[in-house]
Amino acid sequence: MKKVFVILLMICLICSGCGESPGVDSGVSGEYQKISAQQAKDIMDGDDPYILLDVRTAEEFNSQHIEGAVNIPVDEIGQSISAEILDKDTLILVYCRSGGRSASATQEMSRMGYTNVYDFGGIINWPFDTVS
């Protein structure tokens, strides 16, 4: 009986995160959420205010970016974001080239207390207009 209890307890501990929503990293203070390019475009086309954040290098940004984006490279997020975006409840849409840096930046902002941050991946998968 004792073995069964221990095994069940171990299973419960291993599966403790099984009921979480996909795309949400609840291991941080805010919520990190992954959305599609279409969902990001729908937000951008809506009436709610937002900040579009490109976390690639300045060179990458200058060669091509989504119109209206602000550029803060991922390695400067920890030092620069709080000076650039004061309200931690601001709706922030984040992208990079392929999705890796945007995920890192979004998770870092969530750890810093930003509560409304969405990663929509990379510009290489952005099917809409860009500017050069």
N, C-alpha and C. Protein backbone atom coordinates (compact mmCIF):
# COMPACT_ATOMS: atom_id res chain seq x y z
N MET A 1 0.83 -1.19 0.00
CA MET A 1 0.00 0.00 0.00
C MET A 1 0.87 1.25 0.00
N LYS A 2 1.96 1.20 0.79
CA LYS A 2 2.85 2.33 0.89
C LYS A 2 3.52 2.63 -0.46
N LYS A 3 3.90 1.56 -1.19
CA LYS A 3 4.52 1.72 -2.50
C LYS A 3 3.56 2.38 -3.48
N VAL A 4 2.31 1.98 -3.46
CA VAL A 4 1.30 2.55 -4.35
C VAL A 4 1.15 4.05 -4.07
N PHE A 5 1.10 4.43 -2.80
CA PHE A 5 0.97 5.83 -2.43
C PHE A 5 2.16 6.64 -2.93
N VAL A 6 3.37 6.12 -2.76
CA VAL A 6 4.59 6.80 -3.20
C VAL A 6 4.58 6.96 -4.72
N ILE A 7 4.19 5.92 -5.43
CA ILE A 7 4.14 5.98 -6.89
C ILE A 7 3.12 7.01 -7.34
N LEU A 8 1.94 7.02 -6.73
CA LEU A 8 0.92 8.00 -7.08
C LEU A 8 1.40 9.43 -6.78
N LEU A 9 2.08 9.61 -5.67
CA LEU A 9 2.61 10.92 -5.31
C LEU A 9 3.63 11.37 -6.34
N MET A 10 4.50 10.48 -6.78
CA MET A 10 5.50 10.82 -7.79
C MET A 10 4.84 11.19 -9.11
N ILE A 11 3.82 10.46 -9.49
CA ILE A 11 3.10 10.76 -10.73
C ILE A 11 2.46 12.15 -10.63
N CYS A 12 1.86 12.46 -9.51
CA CYS A 12 1.25 13.78 -9.31
C CYS A 12 2.28 14.89 -9.41
N LEU A 13 3.44 14.69 -8.82
CA LEU A 13 4.49 15.71 -8.88
C LEU A 13 5.01 15.91 -10.30
N ILE A 14 5.18 14.82 -11.02
CA ILE A 14 5.66 14.90 -12.39
C ILE A 14 4.65 15.59 -13.28
N CYS A 15 3.37 15.33 -13.07
CA CYS A 15 2.31 15.87 -13.92
C CYS A 15 1.73 17.17 -13.40
N SER A 16 2.34 17.80 -12.43
CA SER A 16 1.73 18.99 -11.81
C SER A 16 1.48 20.11 -12.80
N GLY A 17 2.21 20.16 -13.91
CA GLY A 17 1.98 21.22 -14.90
C GLY A 17 1.16 20.77 -16.08
N CYS A 18 0.58 19.59 -16.01
CA CYS A 18 -0.14 19.03 -17.16
C CYS A 18 -1.36 19.84 -17.57
N GLY A 19 -2.00 20.55 -16.67
CA GLY A 19 -3.21 21.27 -17.01
C GLY A 19 -3.01 22.68 -17.51
N GLU A 20 -1.75 23.10 -17.72
CA GLU A 20 -1.49 24.46 -18.16
C GLU A 20 -1.86 24.65 -19.62
N SER A 21 -2.19 25.87 -19.97
CA SER A 21 -2.53 26.20 -21.34
C SER A 21 -1.28 26.21 -22.20
N PRO A 22 -1.35 25.71 -23.43
CA PRO A 22 -0.20 25.77 -24.31
C PRO A 22 0.06 27.23 -24.68
N GLY A 23 1.34 27.59 -24.83
CA GLY A 23 1.69 28.95 -25.21
C GLY A 23 1.82 29.88 -24.03
N VAL A 24 1.56 29.43 -22.84
CA VAL A 24 1.68 30.28 -21.67
C VAL A 24 2.74 29.69 -20.75
N ASP A 25 3.75 30.49 -20.43
CA ASP A 25 4.79 30.06 -19.51
C ASP A 25 4.45 30.64 -18.15
N SER A 26 3.83 29.84 -17.29
CA SER A 26 3.40 30.35 -16.00
C SER A 26 4.50 30.29 -14.96
N GLY A 27 5.71 29.94 -15.35
CA GLY A 27 6.82 29.92 -14.42
C GLY A 27 7.45 31.28 -14.22
N VAL A 28 6.84 32.33 -14.75
CA VAL A 28 7.36 33.68 -14.61
C VAL A 28 6.30 34.54 -13.97
N SER A 29 6.69 35.74 -13.54
CA SER A 29 5.74 36.57 -12.80
C SER A 29 4.60 37.06 -13.68
N GLY A 30 4.87 37.45 -14.91
CA GLY A 30 3.80 37.82 -15.83
C GLY A 30 3.47 36.60 -16.66
N GLU A 31 2.75 36.79 -17.74
CA GLU A 31 2.47 35.66 -18.61
C GLU A 31 3.15 35.87 -19.94
N TYR A 32 3.86 34.86 -20.39
CA TYR A 32 4.46 34.83 -21.71
C TYR A 32 3.50 34.07 -22.60
N GLN A 33 3.11 34.70 -23.69
CA GLN A 33 2.16 34.03 -24.57
C GLN A 33 2.65 34.07 -26.00
N LYS A 34 2.54 32.94 -26.66
CA LYS A 34 2.90 32.81 -28.06
C LYS A 34 1.62 32.94 -28.88
N ILE A 35 1.65 33.80 -29.89
CA ILE A 35 0.51 33.96 -30.79
C ILE A 35 0.99 33.83 -32.22
N SER A 36 0.05 33.69 -33.13
CA SER A 36 0.40 33.57 -34.55
C SER A 36 0.59 34.96 -35.17
N ALA A 37 1.19 34.97 -36.34
CA ALA A 37 1.34 36.23 -37.09
C ALA A 37 -0.04 36.84 -37.38
N GLN A 38 -1.00 35.99 -37.71
CA GLN A 38 -2.35 36.49 -38.00
C GLN A 38 -2.98 37.13 -36.76
N GLN A 39 -2.79 36.51 -35.61
CA GLN A 39 -3.32 37.10 -34.37
C GLN A 39 -2.66 38.44 -34.09
N ALA A 40 -1.35 38.53 -34.31
CA ALA A 40 -0.64 39.81 -34.12
C ALA A 40 -1.18 40.86 -35.08
N LYS A 41 -1.38 40.48 -36.33
CA LYS A 41 -1.90 41.41 -37.34
C LYS A 41 -3.31 41.88 -36.96
N ASP A 42 -4.13 40.99 -36.45
CA ASP A 42 -5.47 41.36 -36.01
C ASP A 42 -5.41 42.39 -34.89
N ILE A 43 -4.49 42.20 -33.95
CA ILE A 43 -4.32 43.19 -32.87
C ILE A 43 -3.86 44.51 -33.45
N MET A 44 -2.90 44.45 -34.37
CA MET A 44 -2.37 45.67 -34.97
C MET A 44 -3.45 46.42 -35.76
N ASP A 45 -4.36 45.70 -36.36
CA ASP A 45 -5.44 46.31 -37.14
C ASP A 45 -6.59 46.81 -36.27
N GLY A 46 -6.58 46.43 -35.00
CA GLY A 46 -7.65 46.82 -34.08
C GLY A 46 -7.45 48.22 -33.52
N ASP A 47 -8.27 48.57 -32.56
CA ASP A 47 -8.25 49.91 -31.98
C ASP A 47 -7.46 50.02 -30.69
N ASP A 48 -7.07 48.89 -30.09
CA ASP A 48 -6.34 48.94 -28.83
C ASP A 48 -4.90 49.40 -29.05
N PRO A 49 -4.40 50.25 -28.17
CA PRO A 49 -3.01 50.69 -28.30
C PRO A 49 -2.05 49.53 -27.99
N TYR A 50 -0.92 49.52 -28.66
CA TYR A 50 0.08 48.47 -28.48
C TYR A 50 1.44 49.02 -28.85
N ILE A 51 2.48 48.31 -28.46
CA ILE A 51 3.84 48.60 -28.90
C ILE A 51 4.32 47.38 -29.66
N LEU A 52 4.85 47.61 -30.84
CA LEU A 52 5.41 46.55 -31.68
C LEU A 52 6.92 46.59 -31.47
N LEU A 53 7.47 45.51 -30.95
CA LEU A 53 8.87 45.48 -30.55
C LEU A 53 9.66 44.46 -31.37
N ASP A 54 10.66 44.97 -32.07
CA ASP A 54 11.59 44.16 -32.85
C ASP A 54 12.85 43.99 -32.01
N VAL A 55 13.22 42.76 -31.68
CA VAL A 55 14.36 42.53 -30.79
C VAL A 55 15.61 42.05 -31.53
N ARG A 56 15.66 42.29 -32.84
CA ARG A 56 16.84 41.95 -33.62
C ARG A 56 17.90 43.05 -33.49
N THR A 57 19.03 42.87 -34.12
CA THR A 57 20.07 43.89 -34.10
C THR A 57 19.62 45.11 -34.90
N ALA A 58 20.28 46.24 -34.67
CA ALA A 58 19.97 47.46 -35.42
C ALA A 58 20.17 47.26 -36.91
N GLU A 59 21.18 46.51 -37.30
CA GLU A 59 21.45 46.25 -38.72
C GLU A 59 20.31 45.47 -39.36
N GLU A 60 19.85 44.44 -38.66
CA GLU A 60 18.72 43.65 -39.17
C GLU A 60 17.47 44.52 -39.28
N PHE A 61 17.23 45.31 -38.24
CA PHE A 61 16.06 46.19 -38.22
C PHE A 61 16.10 47.16 -39.39
N ASN A 62 17.26 47.79 -39.62
CA ASN A 62 17.39 48.78 -40.69
C ASN A 62 17.23 48.17 -42.07
N SER A 63 17.56 46.89 -42.23
CA SER A 63 17.42 46.27 -43.54
C SER A 63 15.98 45.90 -43.86
N GLN A 64 15.19 45.55 -42.84
CA GLN A 64 13.77 45.21 -43.04
C GLN A 64 13.10 45.09 -41.68
N HIS A 65 11.93 45.69 -41.55
CA HIS A 65 11.15 45.54 -40.32
C HIS A 65 9.68 45.78 -40.62
N ILE A 66 8.86 45.51 -39.63
CA ILE A 66 7.43 45.75 -39.76
C ILE A 66 7.18 47.21 -39.41
N GLU A 67 6.41 47.87 -40.24
CA GLU A 67 6.16 49.30 -40.05
C GLU A 67 5.60 49.59 -38.65
N GLY A 68 6.17 50.61 -38.02
CA GLY A 68 5.73 51.02 -36.70
C GLY A 68 6.48 50.36 -35.56
N ALA A 69 7.41 49.45 -35.89
CA ALA A 69 8.14 48.73 -34.85
C ALA A 69 9.19 49.63 -34.19
N VAL A 70 9.43 49.33 -32.93
CA VAL A 70 10.50 49.93 -32.14
C VAL A 70 11.58 48.87 -32.02
N ASN A 71 12.84 49.28 -32.15
CA ASN A 71 13.94 48.31 -32.08
C ASN A 71 14.69 48.41 -30.77
N ILE A 72 14.64 47.32 -30.01
CA ILE A 72 15.49 47.14 -28.83
C ILE A 72 16.06 45.74 -28.95
N PRO A 73 17.36 45.62 -29.26
CA PRO A 73 17.96 44.29 -29.40
C PRO A 73 17.78 43.45 -28.14
N VAL A 74 17.63 42.15 -28.32
CA VAL A 74 17.35 41.24 -27.21
C VAL A 74 18.37 41.36 -26.09
N ASP A 75 19.64 41.60 -26.43
CA ASP A 75 20.66 41.68 -25.39
C ASP A 75 20.62 42.99 -24.61
N GLU A 76 19.73 43.91 -25.01
CA GLU A 76 19.56 45.17 -24.29
C GLU A 76 18.23 45.25 -23.54
N ILE A 77 17.41 44.22 -23.65
CA ILE A 77 16.07 44.24 -23.04
C ILE A 77 16.16 44.51 -21.54
N GLY A 78 16.99 43.78 -20.83
CA GLY A 78 17.09 43.92 -19.38
C GLY A 78 17.47 45.32 -18.94
N GLN A 79 18.31 46.01 -19.72
CA GLN A 79 18.76 47.34 -19.36
C GLN A 79 17.86 48.44 -19.91
N SER A 80 17.23 48.24 -21.06
CA SER A 80 16.55 49.32 -21.77
C SER A 80 15.03 49.34 -21.69
N ILE A 81 14.41 48.19 -21.54
CA ILE A 81 12.96 48.12 -21.70
C ILE A 81 12.21 48.97 -20.68
N SER A 82 12.67 48.99 -19.44
CA SER A 82 11.95 49.75 -18.41
C SER A 82 12.03 51.25 -18.64
N ALA A 83 13.06 51.73 -19.32
CA ALA A 83 13.16 53.15 -19.67
C ALA A 83 12.31 53.48 -20.89
N GLU A 84 12.14 52.51 -21.77
CA GLU A 84 11.37 52.72 -23.00
C GLU A 84 9.87 52.51 -22.79
N ILE A 85 9.50 51.51 -22.00
CA ILE A 85 8.09 51.18 -21.78
C ILE A 85 7.85 51.21 -20.28
N LEU A 86 7.29 52.32 -19.81
CA LEU A 86 7.12 52.53 -18.37
C LEU A 86 5.96 51.73 -17.79
N ASP A 87 4.85 51.66 -18.52
CA ASP A 87 3.66 50.97 -18.03
C ASP A 87 3.80 49.47 -18.28
N LYS A 88 3.91 48.70 -17.23
CA LYS A 88 4.14 47.26 -17.36
C LYS A 88 2.90 46.49 -17.81
N ASP A 89 1.75 47.18 -17.94
CA ASP A 89 0.54 46.55 -18.45
C ASP A 89 0.31 46.86 -19.93
N THR A 90 1.24 47.57 -20.55
CA THR A 90 1.14 47.91 -21.97
C THR A 90 1.10 46.64 -22.81
N LEU A 91 0.26 46.64 -23.83
CA LEU A 91 0.21 45.53 -24.78
C LEU A 91 1.45 45.60 -25.66
N ILE A 92 2.28 44.55 -25.62
CA ILE A 92 3.54 44.52 -26.37
C ILE A 92 3.55 43.29 -27.26
N LEU A 93 3.77 43.52 -28.55
CA LEU A 93 3.90 42.45 -29.54
C LEU A 93 5.37 42.35 -29.92
N VAL A 94 5.97 41.18 -29.79
CA VAL A 94 7.41 41.02 -29.96
C VAL A 94 7.72 40.07 -31.11
N TYR A 95 8.72 40.45 -31.92
CA TYR A 95 9.19 39.56 -32.97
C TYR A 95 10.70 39.72 -33.17
N CYS A 96 11.28 38.75 -33.87
CA CYS A 96 12.70 38.78 -34.23
C CYS A 96 12.82 38.26 -35.66
N ARG A 97 13.87 37.50 -35.95
CA ARG A 97 14.03 36.93 -37.29
C ARG A 97 13.27 35.62 -37.43
N SER A 98 13.50 34.70 -36.48
CA SER A 98 12.88 33.38 -36.63
C SER A 98 12.10 32.91 -35.41
N GLY A 99 12.15 33.64 -34.30
CA GLY A 99 11.35 33.29 -33.13
C GLY A 99 12.14 33.00 -31.87
N GLY A 100 13.42 32.73 -31.96
CA GLY A 100 14.21 32.41 -30.78
C GLY A 100 14.45 33.61 -29.88
N ARG A 101 14.90 34.70 -30.46
CA ARG A 101 15.17 35.89 -29.66
C ARG A 101 13.89 36.52 -29.13
N SER A 102 12.81 36.45 -29.90
CA SER A 102 11.55 37.03 -29.41
C SER A 102 11.04 36.24 -28.21
N ALA A 103 11.22 34.93 -28.22
CA ALA A 103 10.82 34.11 -27.07
C ALA A 103 11.65 34.48 -25.84
N SER A 104 12.96 34.62 -26.02
CA SER A 104 13.83 35.00 -24.90
C SER A 104 13.47 36.37 -24.35
N ALA A 105 13.27 37.34 -25.25
CA ALA A 105 12.95 38.70 -24.82
C ALA A 105 11.60 38.75 -24.11
N THR A 106 10.63 38.03 -24.63
CA THR A 106 9.30 38.02 -24.04
C THR A 106 9.32 37.39 -22.65
N GLN A 107 10.06 36.32 -22.51
CA GLN A 107 10.19 35.67 -21.20
C GLN A 107 10.90 36.60 -20.21
N GLU A 108 11.93 37.30 -20.67
CA GLU A 108 12.65 38.24 -19.80
C GLU A 108 11.72 39.37 -19.36
N MET A 109 10.95 39.92 -20.29
CA MET A 109 10.02 41.00 -19.93
C MET A 109 8.97 40.50 -18.93
N SER A 110 8.51 39.28 -19.11
CA SER A 110 7.55 38.70 -18.16
C SER A 110 8.16 38.59 -16.78
N ARG A 111 9.42 38.14 -16.72
CA ARG A 111 10.12 38.05 -15.43
C ARG A 111 10.27 39.43 -14.78
N MET A 112 10.36 40.46 -15.62
CA MET A 112 10.52 41.83 -15.12
C MET A 112 9.20 42.45 -14.68
N GLY A 113 8.10 41.71 -14.88
CA GLY A 113 6.79 42.19 -14.43
C GLY A 113 5.88 42.71 -15.51
N TYR A 114 6.30 42.66 -16.78
CA TYR A 114 5.41 43.07 -17.86
C TYR A 114 4.33 42.00 -18.01
N THR A 115 3.08 42.43 -18.06
CA THR A 115 1.97 41.49 -17.94
C THR A 115 1.20 41.21 -19.22
N ASN A 116 1.50 41.92 -20.29
CA ASN A 116 0.68 41.84 -21.49
C ASN A 116 1.58 41.70 -22.72
N VAL A 117 2.46 40.69 -22.70
CA VAL A 117 3.50 40.53 -23.71
C VAL A 117 3.20 39.31 -24.57
N TYR A 118 3.26 39.50 -25.89
CA TYR A 118 2.95 38.42 -26.83
C TYR A 118 4.08 38.26 -27.85
N ASP A 119 4.54 37.05 -28.00
CA ASP A 119 5.58 36.70 -28.97
C ASP A 119 4.90 36.12 -30.20
N PHE A 120 5.13 36.75 -31.36
CA PHE A 120 4.55 36.18 -32.57
C PHE A 120 5.61 35.66 -33.53
N GLY A 121 6.80 35.39 -33.00
CA GLY A 121 7.81 34.68 -33.79
C GLY A 121 8.69 35.57 -34.62
N GLY A 122 8.95 35.12 -35.86
CA GLY A 122 9.93 35.80 -36.69
C GLY A 122 9.38 36.48 -37.92
N ILE A 123 10.14 37.47 -38.36
CA ILE A 123 9.76 38.22 -39.55
C ILE A 123 9.83 37.32 -40.79
N ILE A 124 10.62 36.25 -40.72
CA ILE A 124 10.69 35.35 -41.88
C ILE A 124 9.36 34.63 -42.13
N ASN A 125 8.51 34.58 -41.11
CA ASN A 125 7.20 33.95 -41.26
C ASN A 125 6.07 34.99 -41.31
N TRP A 126 6.41 36.26 -41.40
CA TRP A 126 5.42 37.34 -41.43
C TRP A 126 4.89 37.48 -42.85
N PRO A 127 3.63 37.12 -43.11
CA PRO A 127 3.10 37.14 -44.47
C PRO A 127 2.59 38.50 -44.93
N PHE A 128 2.77 39.51 -44.10
CA PHE A 128 2.23 40.84 -44.42
C PHE A 128 3.36 41.80 -44.79
N ASP A 129 3.01 43.04 -45.06
CA ASP A 129 3.98 44.03 -45.54
C ASP A 129 5.07 44.34 -44.52
N THR A 130 6.24 44.66 -45.04
CA THR A 130 7.36 45.14 -44.24
C THR A 130 7.93 46.37 -44.94
N VAL A 131 8.79 47.08 -44.23
CA VAL A 131 9.48 48.23 -44.83
C VAL A 131 10.99 48.00 -44.76
N SER A 132 11.68 48.61 -45.70
CA SER A 132 13.16 48.48 -45.75
C SER A 132 13.81 49.81 -45.48
